[in-house]
Structures are given as structure tokens and as C-alpha cells.
PDB file of N, CA and C in Angstrom:
ATOM      1  N   MET A   1     161.484 173.567 -25.220  1.00  0.00           N
ATOM      2  CA  MET A   1     160.293 173.490 -24.416  1.00  0.00           C
ATOM      3  C   MET A   1     159.096 173.581 -25.353  1.00  0.00           C
ATOM      4  N   ILE A   2     158.049 172.761 -25.131  1.00  0.00           N
ATOM      5  CA  ILE A   2     156.849 172.757 -25.958  1.00  0.00           C
ATOM      6  C   ILE A   2     155.691 173.284 -25.124  1.00  0.00           C
ATOM      7  N   PHE A   3     154.938 174.206 -25.711  1.00  0.00           N
ATOM      8  CA  PHE A   3     153.759 174.750 -25.052  1.00  0.00           C
ATOM      9  C   PHE A   3     152.524 174.221 -25.754  1.00  0.00           C
ATOM     10  N   LEU A   4     151.541 173.796 -25.012  1.00  0.00           N
ATOM     11  CA  LEU A   4     150.272 173.359 -25.579  1.00  0.00           C
ATOM     12  C   LEU A   4     149.239 174.431 -25.324  1.00  0.00           C
ATOM     13  N   THR A   5     148.529 174.814 -26.365  1.00  0.00           N
ATOM     14  CA  THR A   5     147.443 175.772 -26.198  1.00  0.00           C
ATOM     15  C   THR A   5     146.163 175.118 -26.660  1.00  0.00           C
ATOM     16  N   LEU A   6     145.108 175.326 -25.935  1.00  0.00           N
ATOM     17  CA  LEU A   6     143.808 174.784 -26.303  1.00  0.00           C
ATOM     18  C   LEU A   6     143.044 175.847 -27.055  1.00  0.00           C
ATOM     19  N   SER A   7     142.528 175.492 -28.204  1.00  0.00           N
ATOM     20  CA  SER A   7     141.836 176.456 -29.033  1.00  0.00           C
ATOM     21  C   SER A   7     140.788 175.739 -29.857  1.00  0.00           C
ATOM     22  N   MET A   8     139.663 176.371 -30.076  1.00  0.00           N
ATOM     23  CA  MET A   8     138.616 175.807 -30.923  1.00  0.00           C
ATOM     24  C   MET A   8     138.891 176.109 -32.395  1.00  0.00           C
ATOM     25  N   THR A   9     139.746 177.074 -32.672  1.00  0.00           N
ATOM     26  CA  THR A   9     140.084 177.418 -34.045  1.00  0.00           C
ATOM     27  C   THR A   9     141.569 177.229 -34.229  1.00  0.00           C
ATOM     28  N   ASN A  10     141.986 177.129 -35.474  1.00  0.00           N
ATOM     29  CA  ASN A  10     143.415 177.000 -35.751  1.00  0.00           C
ATOM     30  C   ASN A  10     144.077 178.361 -35.573  1.00  0.00           C
ATOM     31  N   PRO A  11     145.156 178.442 -34.842  1.00  0.00           N
ATOM     32  CA  PRO A  11     145.832 179.721 -34.638  1.00  0.00           C
ATOM     33  C   PRO A  11     146.528 180.159 -35.921  1.00  0.00           C
ATOM     34  N   THR A  12     146.687 181.434 -36.073  1.00  0.00           N
ATOM     35  CA  THR A  12     147.432 181.962 -37.211  1.00  0.00           C
ATOM     36  C   THR A  12     148.909 181.793 -36.934  1.00  0.00           C
ATOM     37  N   GLU A  13     149.721 181.968 -37.990  1.00  0.00           N
ATOM     38  CA  GLU A  13     151.165 181.856 -37.792  1.00  0.00           C
ATOM     39  C   GLU A  13     151.655 182.864 -36.765  1.00  0.00           C
ATOM     40  N   GLU A  14     151.049 184.055 -36.784  1.00  0.00           N
ATOM     41  CA  GLU A  14     151.464 185.095 -35.855  1.00  0.00           C
ATOM     42  C   GLU A  14     151.191 184.676 -34.411  1.00  0.00           C
ATOM     43  N   GLN A  15     150.022 184.045 -34.176  1.00  0.00           N
ATOM     44  CA  GLN A  15     149.686 183.596 -32.824  1.00  0.00           C
ATOM     45  C   GLN A  15     150.664 182.526 -32.367  1.00  0.00           C
ATOM     46  N   GLU A  16     151.033 181.608 -33.275  1.00  0.00           N
ATOM     47  CA  GLU A  16     151.970 180.550 -32.897  1.00  0.00           C
ATOM     48  C   GLU A  16     153.322 181.144 -32.522  1.00  0.00           C
ATOM     49  N   GLN A  17     153.762 182.139 -33.275  1.00  0.00           N
ATOM     50  CA  GLN A  17     155.048 182.762 -32.967  1.00  0.00           C
ATOM     51  C   GLN A  17     154.995 183.483 -31.628  1.00  0.00           C
ATOM     52  N   ASP A  18     153.869 184.144 -31.332  1.00  0.00           N
ATOM     53  CA  ASP A  18     153.737 184.847 -30.066  1.00  0.00           C
ATOM     54  C   ASP A  18     153.789 183.884 -28.884  1.00  0.00           C
ATOM     55  N   GLN A  19     153.384 182.646 -29.115  1.00  0.00           N
ATOM     56  CA  GLN A  19     153.344 181.680 -28.026  1.00  0.00           C
ATOM     57  C   GLN A  19     154.597 180.802 -28.021  1.00  0.00           C
ATOM     58  N   GLY A  20     155.618 181.257 -28.656  1.00  0.00           N
ATOM     59  CA  GLY A  20     156.869 180.503 -28.642  1.00  0.00           C
ATOM     60  C   GLY A  20     156.847 179.283 -29.539  1.00  0.00           C
ATOM     61  N   GLY A  21     156.042 179.299 -30.611  1.00  0.00           N
ATOM     62  CA  GLY A  21     155.996 178.146 -31.522  1.00  0.00           C
ATOM     63  C   GLY A  21     155.254 176.974 -30.936  1.00  0.00           C
ATOM     64  N   GLY A  22     154.299 177.234 -30.028  1.00  0.00           N
ATOM     65  CA  GLY A  22     153.542 176.163 -29.369  1.00  0.00           C
ATOM     66  C   GLY A  22     152.673 175.383 -30.337  1.00  0.00           C
ATOM     67  N   ILE A  23     152.063 174.371 -29.833  1.00  0.00           N
ATOM     68  CA  ILE A  23     151.203 173.495 -30.624  1.00  0.00           C
ATOM     69  C   ILE A  23     149.759 173.782 -30.260  1.00  0.00           C
ATOM     70  N   ALA A  24     148.905 173.979 -31.260  1.00  0.00           N
ATOM     71  CA  ALA A  24     147.483 174.194 -31.011  1.00  0.00           C
ATOM     72  C   ALA A  24     146.785 172.837 -30.945  1.00  0.00           C
ATOM     73  N   VAL A  25     145.955 172.650 -29.946  1.00  0.00           N
ATOM     74  CA  VAL A  25     145.216 171.401 -29.770  1.00  0.00           C
ATOM     75  C   VAL A  25     143.746 171.739 -29.672  1.00  0.00           C
ATOM     76  N   GLN A  26     142.911 171.039 -30.437  1.00  0.00           N
ATOM     77  CA  GLN A  26     141.481 171.293 -30.357  1.00  0.00           C
ATOM     78  C   GLN A  26     140.915 170.647 -29.106  1.00  0.00           C
ATOM     79  N   GLU A  27     139.916 171.331 -28.519  1.00  0.00           N
ATOM     80  CA  GLU A  27     139.261 170.778 -27.336  1.00  0.00           C
ATOM     81  C   GLU A  27     138.391 169.606 -27.746  1.00  0.00           C
ATOM     82  N   GLY A  28     138.099 168.780 -26.791  1.00  0.00           N
ATOM     83  CA  GLY A  28     137.214 167.644 -27.027  1.00  0.00           C
ATOM     84  C   GLY A  28     138.015 166.405 -27.386  1.00  0.00           C
ATOM     85  N   ARG A  29     137.386 165.299 -27.192  1.00  0.00           N
ATOM     86  CA  ARG A  29     138.028 164.030 -27.488  1.00  0.00           C
ATOM     87  C   ARG A  29     137.537 163.510 -28.833  1.00  0.00           C
ATOM     88  N   PRO A  30     138.417 162.857 -29.551  1.00  0.00           N
ATOM     89  CA  PRO A  30     137.948 162.251 -30.793  1.00  0.00           C
ATOM     90  C   PRO A  30     136.995 161.102 -30.462  1.00  0.00           C
ATOM     91  N   ARG A  31     136.030 160.917 -31.309  1.00  0.00           N
ATOM     92  CA  ARG A  31     135.078 159.822 -31.087  1.00  0.00           C
ATOM     93  C   ARG A  31     135.667 158.535 -31.634  1.00  0.00           C
ATOM     94  N   LEU A  32     135.800 157.570 -30.781  1.00  0.00           N
ATOM     95  CA  LEU A  32     136.322 156.276 -31.189  1.00  0.00           C
ATOM     96  C   LEU A  32     135.158 155.335 -31.450  1.00  0.00           C
ATOM     97  N   GLN A  33     135.269 154.583 -32.520  1.00  0.00           N
ATOM     98  CA  GLN A  33     134.232 153.616 -32.841  1.00  0.00           C
ATOM     99  C   GLN A  33     134.690 152.229 -32.440  1.00  0.00           C
ATOM    100  N   GLU A  34     133.754 151.443 -31.985  1.00  0.00           N
ATOM    101  CA  GLU A  34     134.023 150.042 -31.670  1.00  0.00           C
ATOM    102  C   GLU A  34     134.354 149.321 -32.975  1.00  0.00           C
ATOM    103  N   PRO A  35     135.421 148.508 -33.005  1.00  0.00           N
ATOM    104  CA  PRO A  35     135.733 147.769 -34.233  1.00  0.00           C
ATOM    105  C   PRO A  35     134.580 146.832 -34.585  1.00  0.00           C
ATOM    106  N   PRO A  36     134.394 146.567 -35.868  1.00  0.00           N
ATOM    107  CA  PRO A  36     133.306 145.667 -36.262  1.00  0.00           C
ATOM    108  C   PRO A  36     133.504 144.279 -35.667  1.00  0.00           C
ATOM    109  N   ARG A  37     132.404 143.598 -35.461  1.00  0.00           N
ATOM    110  CA  ARG A  37     132.435 142.253 -34.884  1.00  0.00           C
ATOM    111  C   ARG A  37     131.966 141.262 -35.943  1.00  0.00           C
ATOM    112  N   TYR A  38     132.436 140.027 -35.777  1.00  0.00           N
ATOM    113  CA  TYR A  38     132.146 138.988 -36.760  1.00  0.00           C
ATOM    114  C   TYR A  38     131.692 137.719 -36.048  1.00  0.00           C
ATOM    115  N   ALA A  39     130.703 137.079 -36.651  1.00  0.00           N
ATOM    116  CA  ALA A  39     130.191 135.820 -36.115  1.00  0.00           C
ATOM    117  C   ALA A  39     130.967 134.667 -36.722  1.00  0.00           C
ATOM    118  N   VAL A  40     131.353 133.713 -35.882  1.00  0.00           N
ATOM    119  CA  VAL A  40     131.941 132.465 -36.354  1.00  0.00           C
ATOM    120  C   VAL A  40     130.798 131.467 -36.419  1.00  0.00           C
ATOM    121  N   LEU A  41     130.560 130.948 -37.620  1.00  0.00           N
ATOM    122  CA  LEU A  41     129.463 130.015 -37.820  1.00  0.00           C
ATOM    123  C   LEU A  41     129.993 128.621 -38.121  1.00  0.00           C
ATOM    124  N   LEU A  42     129.243 127.635 -37.685  1.00  0.00           N
ATOM    125  CA  LEU A  42     129.520 126.243 -38.018  1.00  0.00           C
ATOM    126  C   LEU A  42     128.380 125.768 -38.906  1.00  0.00           C
ATOM    127  N   ALA A  43     128.720 125.001 -39.937  1.00  0.00           N
ATOM    128  CA  ALA A  43     127.713 124.523 -40.884  1.00  0.00           C
ATOM    129  C   ALA A  43     127.444 123.038 -40.685  1.00  0.00           C
ATOM    130  N   ASN A  44     126.210 122.656 -40.916  1.00  0.00           N
ATOM    131  CA  ASN A  44     125.801 121.254 -40.811  1.00  0.00           C
ATOM    132  C   ASN A  44     126.338 120.472 -42.010  1.00  0.00           C
ATOM    133  N   ASP A  45     126.676 119.226 -41.773  1.00  0.00           N
ATOM    134  CA  ASP A  45     127.022 118.306 -42.860  1.00  0.00           C
ATOM    135  C   ASP A  45     126.536 116.918 -42.465  1.00  0.00           C
ATOM    136  N   ASP A  46     126.647 115.977 -43.385  1.00  0.00           N
ATOM    137  CA  ASP A  46     126.121 114.631 -43.142  1.00  0.00           C
ATOM    138  C   ASP A  46     127.118 113.693 -42.471  1.00  0.00           C
ATOM    139  N   TYR A  47     128.311 114.155 -42.158  1.00  0.00           N
ATOM    140  CA  TYR A  47     129.347 113.267 -41.642  1.00  0.00           C
ATOM    141  C   TYR A  47     129.837 113.607 -40.244  1.00  0.00           C
ATOM    142  N   THR A  48     129.893 114.876 -39.896  1.00  0.00           N
ATOM    143  CA  THR A  48     130.396 115.281 -38.583  1.00  0.00           C
ATOM    144  C   THR A  48     129.366 114.903 -37.526  1.00  0.00           C
ATOM    145  N   THR A  49     129.809 114.220 -36.498  1.00  0.00           N
ATOM    146  CA  THR A  49     128.877 113.773 -35.463  1.00  0.00           C
ATOM    147  C   THR A  49     128.454 114.926 -34.563  1.00  0.00           C
ATOM    148  N   MET A  50     127.290 114.766 -33.975  1.00  0.00           N
ATOM    149  CA  MET A  50     126.781 115.776 -33.042  1.00  0.00           C
ATOM    150  C   MET A  50     127.710 115.902 -31.836  1.00  0.00           C
ATOM    151  N   GLU A  51     128.232 114.787 -31.383  1.00  0.00           N
ATOM    152  CA  GLU A  51     129.136 114.790 -30.236  1.00  0.00           C
ATOM    153  C   GLU A  51     130.404 115.598 -30.532  1.00  0.00           C
ATOM    154  N   PHE A  52     130.900 115.471 -31.768  1.00  0.00           N
ATOM    155  CA  PHE A  52     132.107 116.200 -32.143  1.00  0.00           C
ATOM    156  C   PHE A  52     131.835 117.704 -32.199  1.00  0.00           C
ATOM    157  N   VAL A  53     130.668 118.089 -32.695  1.00  0.00           N
ATOM    158  CA  VAL A  53     130.310 119.518 -32.741  1.00  0.00           C
ATOM    159  C   VAL A  53     130.241 120.082 -31.325  1.00  0.00           C
ATOM    160  N   VAL A  54     129.664 119.337 -30.410  1.00  0.00           N
ATOM    161  CA  VAL A  54     129.607 119.769 -29.004  1.00  0.00           C
ATOM    162  C   VAL A  54     131.027 119.925 -28.462  1.00  0.00           C
ATOM    163  N   GLU A  55     131.893 118.970 -28.774  1.00  0.00           N
ATOM    164  CA  GLU A  55     133.292 119.059 -28.332  1.00  0.00           C
ATOM    165  C   GLU A  55     133.961 120.329 -28.883  1.00  0.00           C
ATOM    166  N   ILE A  56     133.745 120.629 -30.146  1.00  0.00           N
ATOM    167  CA  ILE A  56     134.315 121.830 -30.776  1.00  0.00           C
ATOM    168  C   ILE A  56     133.841 123.087 -30.038  1.00  0.00           C
ATOM    169  N   LEU A  57     132.554 123.149 -29.782  1.00  0.00           N
ATOM    170  CA  LEU A  57     131.978 124.323 -29.121  1.00  0.00           C
ATOM    171  C   LEU A  57     132.538 124.507 -27.710  1.00  0.00           C
ATOM    172  N   GLN A  58     132.766 123.429 -27.021  1.00  0.00           N
ATOM    173  CA  GLN A  58     133.329 123.522 -25.673  1.00  0.00           C
ATOM    174  C   GLN A  58     134.824 123.843 -25.714  1.00  0.00           C
ATOM    175  N   ARG A  59     135.545 123.201 -26.598  1.00  0.00           N
ATOM    176  CA  ARG A  59     137.006 123.340 -26.662  1.00  0.00           C
ATOM    177  C   ARG A  59     137.442 124.711 -27.189  1.00  0.00           C
ATOM    178  N   PHE A  60     136.836 125.166 -28.278  1.00  0.00           N
ATOM    179  CA  PHE A  60     137.312 126.384 -28.936  1.00  0.00           C
ATOM    180  C   PHE A  60     136.488 127.637 -28.629  1.00  0.00           C
ATOM    181  N   PHE A  61     135.273 127.445 -28.113  1.00  0.00           N
ATOM    182  CA  PHE A  61     134.409 128.596 -27.862  1.00  0.00           C
ATOM    183  C   PHE A  61     133.973 128.699 -26.402  1.00  0.00           C
ATOM    184  N   GLN A  62     134.563 127.877 -25.555  1.00  0.00           N
ATOM    185  CA  GLN A  62     134.333 127.891 -24.116  1.00  0.00           C
ATOM    186  C   GLN A  62     132.840 127.877 -23.764  1.00  0.00           C
ATOM    187  N   ARG A  63     132.084 127.072 -24.473  1.00  0.00           N
ATOM    188  CA  ARG A  63     130.653 126.933 -24.191  1.00  0.00           C
ATOM    189  C   ARG A  63     130.452 125.849 -23.142  1.00  0.00           C
ATOM    190  N   SER A  64     129.452 126.054 -22.290  1.00  0.00           N
ATOM    191  CA  SER A  64     129.095 124.999 -21.342  1.00  0.00           C
ATOM    192  C   SER A  64     128.484 123.848 -22.141  1.00  0.00           C
ATOM    193  N   GLU A  65     128.362 122.703 -21.517  1.00  0.00           N
ATOM    194  CA  GLU A  65     127.782 121.559 -22.224  1.00  0.00           C
ATOM    195  C   GLU A  65     126.359 121.874 -22.679  1.00  0.00           C
ATOM    196  N   GLU A  66     125.592 122.533 -21.822  1.00  0.00           N
ATOM    197  CA  GLU A  66     124.207 122.878 -22.166  1.00  0.00           C
ATOM    198  C   GLU A  66     124.160 123.844 -23.356  1.00  0.00           C
ATOM    199  N   GLU A  67     124.997 124.879 -23.333  1.00  0.00           N
ATOM    200  CA  GLU A  67     125.040 125.832 -24.454  1.00  0.00           C
ATOM    201  C   GLU A  67     125.477 125.136 -25.738  1.00  0.00           C
ATOM    202  N   ALA A  68     126.496 124.291 -25.623  1.00  0.00           N
ATOM    203  CA  ALA A  68     127.020 123.592 -26.793  1.00  0.00           C
ATOM    204  C   ALA A  68     125.963 122.690 -27.418  1.00  0.00           C
ATOM    205  N   VAL A  69     125.193 122.016 -26.602  1.00  0.00           N
ATOM    206  CA  VAL A  69     124.128 121.145 -27.122  1.00  0.00           C
ATOM    207  C   VAL A  69     123.067 121.979 -27.833  1.00  0.00           C
ATOM    208  N   GLN A  70     122.683 123.116 -27.256  1.00  0.00           N
ATOM    209  CA  GLN A  70     121.681 123.982 -27.890  1.00  0.00           C
ATOM    210  C   GLN A  70     122.170 124.505 -29.246  1.00  0.00           C
ATOM    211  N   ILE A  71     123.411 124.940 -29.306  1.00  0.00           N
ATOM    212  CA  ILE A  71     123.973 125.436 -30.567  1.00  0.00           C
ATOM    213  C   ILE A  71     124.071 124.296 -31.583  1.00  0.00           C
ATOM    214  N   MET A  72     124.515 123.127 -31.129  1.00  0.00           N
ATOM    215  CA  MET A  72     124.618 121.965 -32.019  1.00  0.00           C
ATOM    216  C   MET A  72     123.255 121.624 -32.608  1.00  0.00           C
ATOM    217  N   LEU A  73     122.199 121.679 -31.798  1.00  0.00           N
ATOM    218  CA  LEU A  73     120.848 121.383 -32.300  1.00  0.00           C
ATOM    219  C   LEU A  73     120.408 122.421 -33.330  1.00  0.00           C
ATOM    220  N   GLN A  74     120.759 123.673 -33.099  1.00  0.00           N
ATOM    221  CA  GLN A  74     120.438 124.710 -34.080  1.00  0.00           C
ATOM    222  C   GLN A  74     121.172 124.437 -35.398  1.00  0.00           C
ATOM    223  N   ILE A  75     122.432 124.064 -35.313  1.00  0.00           N
ATOM    224  CA  ILE A  75     123.201 123.736 -36.513  1.00  0.00           C
ATOM    225  C   ILE A  75     122.550 122.575 -37.239  1.00  0.00           C
ATOM    226  N   HIS A  76     122.158 121.560 -36.498  1.00  0.00           N
ATOM    227  CA  HIS A  76     121.550 120.361 -37.080  1.00  0.00           C
ATOM    228  C   HIS A  76     120.198 120.677 -37.729  1.00  0.00           C
ATOM    229  N   GLN A  77     119.395 121.493 -37.078  1.00  0.00           N
ATOM    230  CA  GLN A  77     118.043 121.768 -37.564  1.00  0.00           C
ATOM    231  C   GLN A  77     117.987 122.876 -38.617  1.00  0.00           C
ATOM    232  N   LYS A  78     118.822 123.908 -38.470  1.00  0.00           N
ATOM    233  CA  LYS A  78     118.747 125.069 -39.370  1.00  0.00           C
ATOM    234  C   LYS A  78     119.875 125.122 -40.393  1.00  0.00           C
ATOM    235  N   GLY A  79     120.832 124.220 -40.279  1.00  0.00           N
ATOM    236  CA  GLY A  79     121.911 124.178 -41.257  1.00  0.00           C
ATOM    237  C   GLY A  79     123.158 124.940 -40.861  1.00  0.00           C
ATOM    238  N   ARG A  80     123.038 125.805 -39.873  1.00  0.00           N
ATOM    239  CA  ARG A  80     124.190 126.541 -39.369  1.00  0.00           C
ATOM    240  C   ARG A  80     123.862 127.144 -38.022  1.00  0.00           C
ATOM    241  N   GLY A  81     124.908 127.528 -37.301  1.00  0.00           N
ATOM    242  CA  GLY A  81     124.699 128.145 -36.000  1.00  0.00           C
ATOM    243  C   GLY A  81     125.905 128.980 -35.613  1.00  0.00           C
ATOM    244  N   VAL A  82     125.660 129.986 -34.789  1.00  0.00           N
ATOM    245  CA  VAL A  82     126.713 130.896 -34.339  1.00  0.00           C
ATOM    246  C   VAL A  82     127.432 130.283 -33.140  1.00  0.00           C
ATOM    247  N   ALA A  83     128.724 130.075 -33.311  1.00  0.00           N
ATOM    248  CA  ALA A  83     129.542 129.536 -32.230  1.00  0.00           C
ATOM    249  C   ALA A  83     130.028 130.639 -31.309  1.00  0.00           C
ATOM    250  N   GLY A  84     130.264 131.836 -31.870  1.00  0.00           N
ATOM    251  CA  GLY A  84     130.744 132.958 -31.080  1.00  0.00           C
ATOM    252  C   GLY A  84     130.867 134.209 -31.931  1.00  0.00           C
ATOM    253  N   ILE A  85     131.026 135.354 -31.266  1.00  0.00           N
ATOM    254  CA  ILE A  85     131.168 136.635 -31.948  1.00  0.00           C
ATOM    255  C   ILE A  85     132.445 137.305 -31.441  1.00  0.00           C
ATOM    256  N   TYR A  86     133.295 137.719 -32.391  1.00  0.00           N
ATOM    257  CA  TYR A  86     134.618 138.227 -32.055  1.00  0.00           C
ATOM    258  C   TYR A  86     135.031 139.339 -33.019  1.00  0.00           C
ATOM    259  N   HIS A  87     136.166 139.974 -32.725  1.00  0.00           N
ATOM    260  CA  HIS A  87     136.791 140.873 -33.682  1.00  0.00           C
ATOM    261  C   HIS A  87     137.362 140.012 -34.805  1.00  0.00           C
ATOM    262  N   LEU A  88     137.567 140.588 -35.971  1.00  0.00           N
ATOM    263  CA  LEU A  88     137.894 139.829 -37.179  1.00  0.00           C
ATOM    264  C   LEU A  88     139.080 138.885 -37.021  1.00  0.00           C
ATOM    265  N   GLU A  89     140.183 139.363 -36.491  1.00  0.00           N
ATOM    266  CA  GLU A  89     141.380 138.525 -36.402  1.00  0.00           C
ATOM    267  C   GLU A  89     141.149 137.305 -35.512  1.00  0.00           C
ATOM    268  N   ILE A  90     140.435 137.502 -34.430  1.00  0.00           N
ATOM    269  CA  ILE A  90     140.143 136.384 -33.526  1.00  0.00           C
ATOM    270  C   ILE A  90     139.185 135.414 -34.208  1.00  0.00           C
ATOM    271  N   ALA A  91     138.176 135.938 -34.888  1.00  0.00           N
ATOM    272  CA  ALA A  91     137.205 135.084 -35.586  1.00  0.00           C
ATOM    273  C   ALA A  91     137.902 134.226 -36.640  1.00  0.00           C
ATOM    274  N   GLU A  92     138.791 134.834 -37.415  1.00  0.00           N
ATOM    275  CA  GLU A  92     139.513 134.080 -38.445  1.00  0.00           C
ATOM    276  C   GLU A  92     140.398 133.003 -37.826  1.00  0.00           C
ATOM    277  N   THR A  93     141.009 133.312 -36.706  1.00  0.00           N
ATOM    278  CA  THR A  93     141.846 132.326 -36.015  1.00  0.00           C
ATOM    279  C   THR A  93     141.005 131.159 -35.530  1.00  0.00           C
ATOM    280  N   LYS A  94     139.836 131.451 -34.963  1.00  0.00           N
ATOM    281  CA  LYS A  94     138.938 130.390 -34.486  1.00  0.00           C
ATOM    282  C   LYS A  94     138.551 129.470 -35.642  1.00  0.00           C
ATOM    283  N   VAL A  95     138.208 130.058 -36.792  1.00  0.00           N
ATOM    284  CA  VAL A  95     137.821 129.253 -37.958  1.00  0.00           C
ATOM    285  C   VAL A  95     138.966 128.322 -38.350  1.00  0.00           C
ATOM    286  N   MET A  96     140.180 128.850 -38.431  1.00  0.00           N
ATOM    287  CA  MET A  96     141.332 128.017 -38.804  1.00  0.00           C
ATOM    288  C   MET A  96     141.554 126.893 -37.794  1.00  0.00           C
ATOM    289  N   GLN A  97     141.438 127.213 -36.504  1.00  0.00           N
ATOM    290  CA  GLN A  97     141.638 126.191 -35.474  1.00  0.00           C
ATOM    291  C   GLN A  97     140.591 125.086 -35.585  1.00  0.00           C
ATOM    292  N   VAL A  98     139.341 125.485 -35.766  1.00  0.00           N
ATOM    293  CA  VAL A  98     138.242 124.508 -35.847  1.00  0.00           C
ATOM    294  C   VAL A  98     138.417 123.605 -37.061  1.00  0.00           C
ATOM    295  N   VAL A  99     138.664 124.193 -38.216  1.00  0.00           N
ATOM    296  CA  VAL A  99     138.797 123.405 -39.448  1.00  0.00           C
ATOM    297  C   VAL A  99     139.994 122.461 -39.361  1.00  0.00           C
ATOM    298  N   GLU A 100     141.118 122.966 -38.859  1.00  0.00           N
ATOM    299  CA  GLU A 100     142.311 122.124 -38.726  1.00  0.00           C
ATOM    300  C   GLU A 100     142.055 120.957 -37.766  1.00  0.00           C
ATOM    301  N   TYR A 101     141.431 121.243 -36.636  1.00  0.00           N
ATOM    302  CA  TYR A 101     141.143 120.194 -35.655  1.00  0.00           C
ATOM    303  C   TYR A 101     140.166 119.158 -36.239  1.00  0.00           C
ATOM    304  N   ALA A 102     139.140 119.646 -36.924  1.00  0.00           N
ATOM    305  CA  ALA A 102     138.155 118.732 -37.518  1.00  0.00           C
ATOM    306  C   ALA A 102     138.813 117.836 -38.565  1.00  0.00           C
ATOM    307  N   ARG A 103     139.640 118.411 -39.419  1.00  0.00           N
ATOM    308  CA  ARG A 103     140.309 117.612 -40.462  1.00  0.00           C
ATOM    309  C   ARG A 103     141.244 116.577 -39.835  1.00  0.00           C
ATOM    310  N   SER A 104     141.917 116.960 -38.761  1.00  0.00           N
ATOM    311  CA  SER A 104     142.839 116.026 -38.106  1.00  0.00           C
ATOM    312  C   SER A 104     142.096 114.849 -37.478  1.00  0.00           C
ATOM    313  N   ARG A 105     140.798 115.025 -37.235  1.00  0.00           N
ATOM    314  CA  ARG A 105     139.969 113.957 -36.655  1.00  0.00           C
ATOM    315  C   ARG A 105     139.094 113.275 -37.712  1.00  0.00           C
ATOM    316  N   GLY A 106     139.290 113.677 -38.991  1.00  0.00           N
ATOM    317  CA  GLY A 106     138.577 113.020 -40.088  1.00  0.00           C
ATOM    318  C   GLY A 106     137.174 113.548 -40.350  1.00  0.00           C
ATOM    319  N   PHE A 107     136.862 114.753 -39.879  1.00  0.00           N
ATOM    320  CA  PHE A 107     135.540 115.335 -40.099  1.00  0.00           C
ATOM    321  C   PHE A 107     135.618 116.510 -41.078  1.00  0.00           C
ATOM    322  N   PRO A 108     134.615 116.627 -41.963  1.00  0.00           N
ATOM    323  CA  PRO A 108     134.598 117.730 -42.935  1.00  0.00           C
ATOM    324  C   PRO A 108     133.882 118.980 -42.431  1.00  0.00           C
ATOM    325  N   LEU A 109     133.799 119.164 -41.139  1.00  0.00           N
ATOM    326  CA  LEU A 109     133.102 120.305 -40.557  1.00  0.00           C
ATOM    327  C   LEU A 109     133.598 121.603 -41.174  1.00  0.00           C
ATOM    328  N   SER A 110     132.656 122.441 -41.602  1.00  0.00           N
ATOM    329  CA  SER A 110     133.071 123.741 -42.142  1.00  0.00           C
ATOM    330  C   SER A 110     132.662 124.848 -41.200  1.00  0.00           C
ATOM    331  N   SER A 111     133.497 125.859 -41.176  1.00  0.00           N
ATOM    332  CA  SER A 111     133.298 127.015 -40.328  1.00  0.00           C
ATOM    333  C   SER A 111     133.661 128.242 -41.141  1.00  0.00           C
ATOM    334  N   TYR A 112     132.966 129.331 -40.913  1.00  0.00           N
ATOM    335  CA  TYR A 112     133.234 130.557 -41.656  1.00  0.00           C
ATOM    336  C   TYR A 112     132.832 131.772 -40.835  1.00  0.00           C
ATOM    337  N   VAL A 113     133.205 132.941 -41.342  1.00  0.00           N
ATOM    338  CA  VAL A 113     132.992 134.198 -40.647  1.00  0.00           C
ATOM    339  C   VAL A 113     132.007 135.042 -41.438  1.00  0.00           C
ATOM    340  N   GLU A 114     131.092 135.706 -40.717  1.00  0.00           N
ATOM    341  CA  GLU A 114     130.168 136.672 -41.313  1.00  0.00           C
ATOM    342  C   GLU A 114     130.147 137.919 -40.450  1.00  0.00           C
ATOM    343  N   PRO A 115     130.055 139.097 -41.065  1.00  0.00           N
ATOM    344  CA  PRO A 115     129.964 140.320 -40.259  1.00  0.00           C
ATOM    345  C   PRO A 115     128.661 140.360 -39.485  1.00  0.00           C
ATOM    346  N   VAL A 116     128.729 140.886 -38.280  1.00  0.00           N
ATOM    347  CA  VAL A 116     127.530 141.066 -37.467  1.00  0.00           C
ATOM    348  C   VAL A 116     126.980 142.442 -37.816  1.00  0.00           C
ATOM    349  N   LEU A 117     125.727 142.485 -38.222  1.00  0.00           N
ATOM    350  CA  LEU A 117     125.130 143.767 -38.629  1.00  0.00           C
ATOM    351  C   LEU A 117     124.413 144.423 -37.512  1.00  0.00           C
TER     352      LEU A 117
END
């Protein structure tokens, strides 16, 4: 049988023996931090068509046509744009999917991940 005792301090060996070898547990919950988030960015190039970038944004980032067009214009005008923000593993997967799909269609579209500060 296991006994749990709540204590703000660590019990001495004698206290543990008196309680039948129970386990001391500190009160309060540990503070959990939100995992870091990462932006998936698409970069402008001279070969990938605007229509294809819109397709990528809709297909892989579930953007509406209006959102996709706005992001595509930002990529075209500023050289890059944020397609989405995710946890690292998801962001890396999105980048691989986008690059693979673009290459299979003959486009050199580049995508990469940056930490969100």
C-alpha cells in the first residue's frame, strides 16, 4: 500500500518511516511552458508563378483564396511571407511537403522555418 503525504518541505527519514514509507509530494502544480512556435516562410523567386504560390497556401496551409492572395502578394513584394505558425515538428513537415510538391511540379520555390520571438 502506498501513502501520499502533502508537504511543503522534504520529510526526514524518520517521518517517512512513521508514515509507513509513504511518498512526500510538494503542494502546487508545476508550471508548464508552451512549446516554442515556428513560422513557415515562403521565399520569392523569379520562376514560381503567383498562381502556384496561392495553390500551395491553400493546399498545405488551409488558407482561404483571399488570405492566400494577400500572403502571395507579400511574398512577391517583400521577398518572403509567413504561410503559417506551428510547433517545430509540424513546421518542418510543412516545409518538406511544400518543397517536394514544388519540385515535382518544376518550381524552385523555397520554404524554411524561423523561430517566432
